Amino acid sequence: MKFYFKLAASNLKADRRLFVPFVTTTSFLMAVNLIMLNAYASSDVLFKKLG
């Protein structure tokens, strides 16, 4: 585990220009995924209540 952290730290120092957009896009996609799942689940519950 420590090896991976060291590798990530060295990569961060080496190419921050690549690392920052990668992290932002990953977090953004995760957020979108969670929102979509949440919306799907709530809509499912709503339709079950209405039906």
PDB file of N, CA and C in Angstrom:
ATOM      1  N   MET A   1       0.832  -1.200   0.000  1.00  0.00           N
ATOM      2  CA  MET A   1       0.000   0.000   0.000  1.00  0.00           C
ATOM      3  C   MET A   1       0.869   1.254   0.000  1.00  0.00           C
ATOM      4  N   LYS A   2       1.889   1.259   0.858  1.00  0.00           N
ATOM      5  CA  LYS A   2       2.777   2.426   0.948  1.00  0.00           C
ATOM      6  C   LYS A   2       3.481   2.679  -0.380  1.00  0.00           C
ATOM      7  N   PHE A   3       3.823   1.596  -1.065  1.00  0.00           N
ATOM      8  CA  PHE A   3       4.478   1.718  -2.369  1.00  0.00           C
ATOM      9  C   PHE A   3       3.591   2.497  -3.340  1.00  0.00           C
ATOM     10  N   TYR A   4       2.302   2.164  -3.329  1.00  0.00           N
ATOM     11  CA  TYR A   4       1.370   2.843  -4.230  1.00  0.00           C
ATOM     12  C   TYR A   4       1.242   4.318  -3.887  1.00  0.00           C
ATOM     13  N   PHE A   5       1.235   4.612  -2.570  1.00  0.00           N
ATOM     14  CA  PHE A   5       1.142   6.013  -2.154  1.00  0.00           C
ATOM     15  C   PHE A   5       2.377   6.794  -2.578  1.00  0.00           C
ATOM     16  N   LYS A   6       3.540   6.156  -2.443  1.00  0.00           N
ATOM     17  CA  LYS A   6       4.786   6.805  -2.879  1.00  0.00           C
ATOM     18  C   LYS A   6       4.748   7.042  -4.387  1.00  0.00           C
ATOM     19  N   LEU A   7       4.276   6.050  -5.114  1.00  0.00           N
ATOM     20  CA  LEU A   7       4.169   6.162  -6.568  1.00  0.00           C
ATOM     21  C   LEU A   7       3.224   7.301  -6.947  1.00  0.00           C
ATOM     22  N   ALA A   8       2.091   7.377  -6.263  1.00  0.00           N
ATOM     23  CA  ALA A   8       1.124   8.437  -6.537  1.00  0.00           C
ATOM     24  C   ALA A   8       1.723   9.801  -6.224  1.00  0.00           C
ATOM     25  N   ALA A   9       2.470   9.898  -5.124  1.00  0.00           N
ATOM     26  CA  ALA A   9       3.082  11.167  -4.739  1.00  0.00           C
ATOM     27  C   ALA A   9       4.119  11.597  -5.771  1.00  0.00           C
ATOM     28  N   SER A  10       4.935  10.654  -6.225  1.00  0.00           N
ATOM     29  CA  SER A  10       5.952  10.988  -7.224  1.00  0.00           C
ATOM     30  C   SER A  10       5.294  11.387  -8.541  1.00  0.00           C
ATOM     31  N   ASN A  11       4.211  10.701  -8.892  1.00  0.00           N
ATOM     32  CA  ASN A  11       3.484  11.055 -10.111  1.00  0.00           C
ATOM     33  C   ASN A  11       2.861  12.434  -9.991  1.00  0.00           C
ATOM     34  N   LEU A  12       2.370  12.752  -8.787  1.00  0.00           N
ATOM     35  CA  LEU A  12       1.769  14.065  -8.547  1.00  0.00           C
ATOM     36  C   LEU A  12       2.805  15.151  -8.777  1.00  0.00           C
ATOM     37  N   LYS A  13       4.018  14.929  -8.266  1.00  0.00           N
ATOM     38  CA  LYS A  13       5.091  15.907  -8.446  1.00  0.00           C
ATOM     39  C   LYS A  13       5.507  15.973  -9.913  1.00  0.00           C
ATOM     40  N   ALA A  14       5.533  14.824 -10.568  1.00  0.00           N
ATOM     41  CA  ALA A  14       6.030  14.753 -11.943  1.00  0.00           C
ATOM     42  C   ALA A  14       5.072  15.428 -12.927  1.00  0.00           C
ATOM     43  N   ASP A  15       3.833  14.964 -12.957  1.00  0.00           N
ATOM     44  CA  ASP A  15       2.901  15.541 -13.936  1.00  0.00           C
ATOM     45  C   ASP A  15       1.587  15.921 -13.258  1.00  0.00           C
ATOM     46  N   ARG A  16       1.575  17.080 -12.655  1.00  0.00           N
ATOM     47  CA  ARG A  16       0.363  17.585 -12.010  1.00  0.00           C
ATOM     48  C   ARG A  16      -0.686  17.939 -13.069  1.00  0.00           C
ATOM     49  N   ARG A  17      -0.218  18.337 -14.248  1.00  0.00           N
ATOM     50  CA  ARG A  17      -1.141  18.727 -15.319  1.00  0.00           C
ATOM     51  C   ARG A  17      -2.013  17.560 -15.761  1.00  0.00           C
ATOM     52  N   LEU A  18      -1.455  16.348 -15.706  1.00  0.00           N
ATOM     53  CA  LEU A  18      -2.241  15.171 -16.067  1.00  0.00           C
ATOM     54  C   LEU A  18      -3.091  14.702 -14.893  1.00  0.00           C
ATOM     55  N   PHE A  19      -2.523  14.818 -13.682  1.00  0.00           N
ATOM     56  CA  PHE A  19      -3.163  14.239 -12.503  1.00  0.00           C
ATOM     57  C   PHE A  19      -4.430  14.985 -12.107  1.00  0.00           C
ATOM     58  N   VAL A  20      -4.382  16.321 -12.147  1.00  0.00           N
ATOM     59  CA  VAL A  20      -5.514  17.128 -11.671  1.00  0.00           C
ATOM     60  C   VAL A  20      -6.780  16.900 -12.502  1.00  0.00           C
ATOM     61  N   PRO A  21      -6.723  17.009 -13.838  1.00  0.00           N
ATOM     62  CA  PRO A  21      -7.945  16.751 -14.610  1.00  0.00           C
ATOM     63  C   PRO A  21      -8.459  15.329 -14.467  1.00  0.00           C
ATOM     64  N   PHE A  22      -7.544  14.370 -14.312  1.00  0.00           N
ATOM     65  CA  PHE A  22      -7.958  12.982 -14.117  1.00  0.00           C
ATOM     66  C   PHE A  22      -8.789  12.840 -12.847  1.00  0.00           C
ATOM     67  N   VAL A  23      -8.298  13.438 -11.755  1.00  0.00           N
ATOM     68  CA  VAL A  23      -9.007  13.350 -10.474  1.00  0.00           C
ATOM     69  C   VAL A  23     -10.350  14.072 -10.552  1.00  0.00           C
ATOM     70  N   THR A  24     -10.357  15.256 -11.165  1.00  0.00           N
ATOM     71  CA  THR A  24     -11.604  16.025 -11.247  1.00  0.00           C
ATOM     72  C   THR A  24     -12.649  15.283 -12.081  1.00  0.00           C
ATOM     73  N   THR A  25     -12.218  14.702 -13.205  1.00  0.00           N
ATOM     74  CA  THR A  25     -13.170  13.976 -14.047  1.00  0.00           C
ATOM     75  C   THR A  25     -13.686  12.732 -13.327  1.00  0.00           C
ATOM     76  N   THR A  26     -12.799  12.039 -12.616  1.00  0.00           N
ATOM     77  CA  THR A  26     -13.205  10.838 -11.896  1.00  0.00           C
ATOM     78  C   THR A  26     -14.224  11.168 -10.821  1.00  0.00           C
ATOM     79  N   SER A  27     -13.942  12.215 -10.033  1.00  0.00           N
ATOM     80  CA  SER A  27     -14.866  12.602  -8.966  1.00  0.00           C
ATOM     81  C   SER A  27     -16.190  13.082  -9.557  1.00  0.00           C
ATOM     82  N   PHE A  28     -16.118  13.817 -10.667  1.00  0.00           N
ATOM     83  CA  PHE A  28     -17.333  14.306 -11.327  1.00  0.00           C
ATOM     84  C   PHE A  28     -18.195  13.138 -11.810  1.00  0.00           C
ATOM     85  N   LEU A  29     -17.547  12.143 -12.419  1.00  0.00           N
ATOM     86  CA  LEU A  29     -18.281  10.980 -12.909  1.00  0.00           C
ATOM     87  C   LEU A  29     -18.897  10.196 -11.760  1.00  0.00           C
ATOM     88  N   MET A  30     -18.164  10.083 -10.652  1.00  0.00           N
ATOM     89  CA  MET A  30     -18.697   9.394  -9.481  1.00  0.00           C
ATOM     90  C   MET A  30     -19.924  10.120  -8.942  1.00  0.00           C
ATOM     91  N   ALA A  31     -19.838  11.456  -8.884  1.00  0.00           N
ATOM     92  CA  ALA A  31     -20.961  12.265  -8.394  1.00  0.00           C
ATOM     93  C   ALA A  31     -22.178  12.082  -9.297  1.00  0.00           C
ATOM     94  N   VAL A  32     -21.955  12.125 -10.613  1.00  0.00           N
ATOM     95  CA  VAL A  32     -23.050  11.952 -11.572  1.00  0.00           C
ATOM     96  C   VAL A  32     -23.674  10.572 -11.411  1.00  0.00           C
ATOM     97  N   ASN A  33     -22.821   9.567 -11.239  1.00  0.00           N
ATOM     98  CA  ASN A  33     -23.290   8.201 -11.071  1.00  0.00           C
ATOM     99  C   ASN A  33     -24.168   8.080  -9.833  1.00  0.00           C
ATOM    100  N   LEU A  34     -23.717   8.665  -8.722  1.00  0.00           N
ATOM    101  CA  LEU A  34     -24.485   8.616  -7.481  1.00  0.00           C
ATOM    102  C   LEU A  34     -25.818   9.329  -7.641  1.00  0.00           C
ATOM    103  N   ILE A  35     -25.801  10.485  -8.290  1.00  0.00           N
ATOM    104  CA  ILE A  35     -27.032  11.256  -8.489  1.00  0.00           C
ATOM    105  C   ILE A  35     -28.019  10.466  -9.349  1.00  0.00           C
ATOM    106  N   MET A  36     -27.502   9.837 -10.412  1.00  0.00           N
ATOM    107  CA  MET A  36     -28.365   9.059 -11.295  1.00  0.00           C
ATOM    108  C   MET A  36     -28.970   7.867 -10.554  1.00  0.00           C
ATOM    109  N   LEU A  37     -28.146   7.174  -9.765  1.00  0.00           N
ATOM    110  CA  LEU A  37     -28.639   6.037  -8.993  1.00  0.00           C
ATOM    111  C   LEU A  37     -29.694   6.486  -7.994  1.00  0.00           C
ATOM    112  N   ASN A  38     -29.437   7.616  -7.324  1.00  0.00           N
ATOM    113  CA  ASN A  38     -30.358   8.151  -6.335  1.00  0.00           C
ATOM    114  C   ASN A  38     -31.680   8.514  -6.992  1.00  0.00           C
ATOM    115  N   ALA A  39     -31.611   9.189  -8.138  1.00  0.00           N
ATOM    116  CA  ALA A  39     -32.818   9.594  -8.856  1.00  0.00           C
ATOM    117  C   ALA A  39     -33.602   8.362  -9.303  1.00  0.00           C
ATOM    118  N   TYR A  40     -32.894   7.356  -9.789  1.00  0.00           N
ATOM    119  CA  TYR A  40     -33.557   6.133 -10.244  1.00  0.00           C
ATOM    120  C   TYR A  40     -34.273   5.447  -9.083  1.00  0.00           C
ATOM    121  N   ALA A  41     -33.592   5.350  -7.939  1.00  0.00           N
ATOM    122  CA  ALA A  41     -34.166   4.688  -6.771  1.00  0.00           C
ATOM    123  C   ALA A  41     -35.389   5.449  -6.269  1.00  0.00           C
ATOM    124  N   SER A  42     -35.281   6.776  -6.173  1.00  0.00           N
ATOM    125  CA  SER A  42     -36.397   7.571  -5.663  1.00  0.00           C
ATOM    126  C   SER A  42     -37.582   7.523  -6.627  1.00  0.00           C
ATOM    127  N   SER A  43     -37.304   7.543  -7.940  1.00  0.00           N
ATOM    128  CA  SER A  43     -38.386   7.482  -8.926  1.00  0.00           C
ATOM    129  C   SER A  43     -39.074   6.119  -8.849  1.00  0.00           C
ATOM    130  N   ASP A  44     -38.298   5.066  -8.637  1.00  0.00           N
ATOM    131  CA  ASP A  44     -38.850   3.728  -8.502  1.00  0.00           C
ATOM    132  C   ASP A  44     -39.804   3.677  -7.315  1.00  0.00           C
ATOM    133  N   VAL A  45     -39.380   4.247  -6.190  1.00  0.00           N
ATOM    134  CA  VAL A  45     -40.206   4.273  -4.985  1.00  0.00           C
ATOM    135  C   VAL A  45     -41.475   5.079  -5.238  1.00  0.00           C
ATOM    136  N   LEU A  46     -41.317   6.222  -5.911  1.00  0.00           N
ATOM    137  CA  LEU A  46     -42.469   7.079  -6.212  1.00  0.00           C
ATOM    138  C   LEU A  46     -43.486   6.342  -7.080  1.00  0.00           C
ATOM    139  N   PHE A  47     -42.987   5.657  -8.113  1.00  0.00           N
ATOM    140  CA  PHE A  47     -43.897   4.957  -9.011  1.00  0.00           C
ATOM    141  C   PHE A  47     -44.600   3.810  -8.293  1.00  0.00           C
ATOM    142  N   LYS A  48     -43.904   3.159  -7.371  1.00  0.00           N
ATOM    143  CA  LYS A  48     -44.531   2.081  -6.607  1.00  0.00           C
ATOM    144  C   LYS A  48     -45.629   2.642  -5.709  1.00  0.00           C
ATOM    145  N   LYS A  49     -45.385   3.825  -5.134  1.00  0.00           N
ATOM    146  CA  LYS A  49     -46.398   4.452  -4.278  1.00  0.00           C
ATOM    147  C   LYS A  49     -47.602   4.888  -5.104  1.00  0.00           C
ATOM    148  N   LEU A  50     -47.341   5.459  -6.280  1.00  0.00           N
ATOM    149  CA  LEU A  50     -48.435   5.943  -7.130  1.00  0.00           C
ATOM    150  C   LEU A  50     -49.230   4.776  -7.707  1.00  0.00           C
ATOM    151  N   GLY A  51     -48.498   3.735  -8.119  1.00  0.00           N
ATOM    152  CA  GLY A  51     -49.160   2.583  -8.696  1.00  0.00           C
ATOM    153  C   GLY A  51     -49.799   1.780  -7.601  1.00  0.00           C
TER     154      GLY A  51
END
